[in-house]
Protein backbone atom coordinates (compact mmCIF):
# COMPACT_ATOMS: atom_id res chain seq x y z
CA MET A 1 58.38 16.05 35.14
CA SER A 2 55.00 16.18 32.78
CA ALA A 3 52.48 19.16 32.38
CA SER A 4 50.27 17.05 34.51
CA ASP A 5 52.71 16.87 37.34
CA ALA A 6 53.54 20.71 37.17
CA GLU A 7 49.65 21.42 37.28
CA ALA A 8 49.61 19.20 40.59
CA VAL A 9 52.46 20.94 42.37
CA VAL A 10 51.08 24.21 41.60
CA ASP A 11 47.34 23.38 43.12
CA ASP A 12 49.18 21.93 45.93
CA ALA A 13 51.27 25.12 46.62
CA SER A 14 48.24 27.09 46.21
CA ILE A 15 45.85 24.92 48.41
CA GLU A 16 48.74 25.30 51.12
CA GLU A 17 48.61 29.33 50.74
CA TRP A 18 44.74 29.33 50.91
CA GLU A 19 44.91 27.23 54.47
CA ARG A 20 45.73 30.65 56.06
CA VAL A 21 42.24 31.82 54.78
CA ARG A 22 40.24 28.84 55.66
CA ASP A 23 39.21 29.96 59.18
CA LEU A 24 38.64 33.70 58.26
CA PRO A 25 35.14 35.01 58.13
CA PRO A 26 33.44 34.93 54.78
CA SER A 27 33.62 38.67 53.98
CA ALA A 28 37.57 38.37 54.18
CA LYS A 29 37.30 35.01 51.81
CA LEU A 30 35.08 37.43 49.52
CA VAL A 31 37.85 39.88 49.79
CA ALA A 32 40.58 37.48 49.18
CA LYS A 33 39.05 36.12 46.02
CA VAL A 34 38.15 39.62 44.25
CA LEU A 35 41.95 40.47 45.02
CA GLU A 36 42.74 37.30 43.51
CA TYR A 37 41.12 38.20 40.37
CA GLU A 38 41.57 42.17 40.34
CA ASP A 39 45.31 42.42 41.84
CA THR A 40 45.18 45.68 43.41
CA LEU A 41 42.44 47.53 44.54
CA SER A 42 41.91 50.17 47.42
CA GLN A 43 39.60 49.73 50.42
CA SER A 44 36.75 52.09 48.34
CA GLU A 45 37.21 49.50 45.25
CA LEU A 46 36.89 46.54 47.11
CA ALA A 47 33.54 47.67 48.73
CA GLU A 48 32.38 48.51 45.16
CA GLU A 49 33.33 45.13 43.79
CA THR A 50 32.30 42.96 46.64
CA LEU A 51 29.23 44.99 47.28
CA LEU A 52 30.08 44.81 51.15
CA PRO A 53 29.89 48.04 53.39
CA PRO A 54 33.28 49.83 53.91
CA ARG A 55 33.24 48.97 57.49
CA THR A 56 32.87 45.22 56.64
CA VAL A 57 35.63 45.51 53.81
CA ARG A 58 37.97 47.17 56.79
CA TYR A 59 36.97 43.98 58.94
CA ALA A 60 37.97 41.82 56.23
CA LEU A 61 41.52 43.70 55.37
CA THR A 62 42.21 43.68 59.10
CA ARG A 63 41.52 39.92 59.44
CA LEU A 64 43.48 39.20 56.24
CA GLU A 65 46.56 41.33 57.16
CA GLU A 66 46.45 39.31 60.76
CA ALA A 67 46.77 36.21 58.81
CA ASP A 68 49.42 37.54 56.59
CA ALA A 69 47.31 36.88 53.39
CA VAL A 70 47.12 40.61 52.08
CA GLU A 71 49.86 43.37 51.26
CA SER A 72 49.30 47.21 51.62
CA ARG A 73 50.99 50.00 50.20
CA PHE A 74 50.48 53.76 49.93
CA SER A 75 48.94 54.71 46.60
CA PHE A 76 51.58 56.71 44.44
CA THR A 77 48.45 58.73 43.01
CA ASP A 78 47.05 59.60 46.43
CA ALA A 79 48.96 59.06 49.79
CA ARG A 80 45.89 59.22 51.65
CA LYS A 81 44.69 55.58 50.11
CA ARG A 82 46.23 52.46 50.80
CA LEU A 83 46.46 49.79 47.77
CA TYR A 84 45.67 46.25 48.68
CA SER A 85 47.15 42.88 46.75
CA LEU A 86 46.90 39.31 47.73
CA ASP A 87 49.98 37.75 49.38
CA LEU A 88 49.47 34.10 48.80
């Protein structure tokens, strides 16, 4: 398999994974893209990065969780916070 063939396989796989997010609202897509670049963030950090209101970020995360596109876990440093990462 050549390097270009390997890239095509990776591109096809990532396109299929992003299909889960395709029909979600723009705010959810933005949150997903930020998580793609930033890896793991809390809800407040997502609000800062996206410049979206906290309520909109909460809604976007709910929609992403329903689509199985994000993974959440409790923060080890502050158990009151949840950390989110992209699961595509």
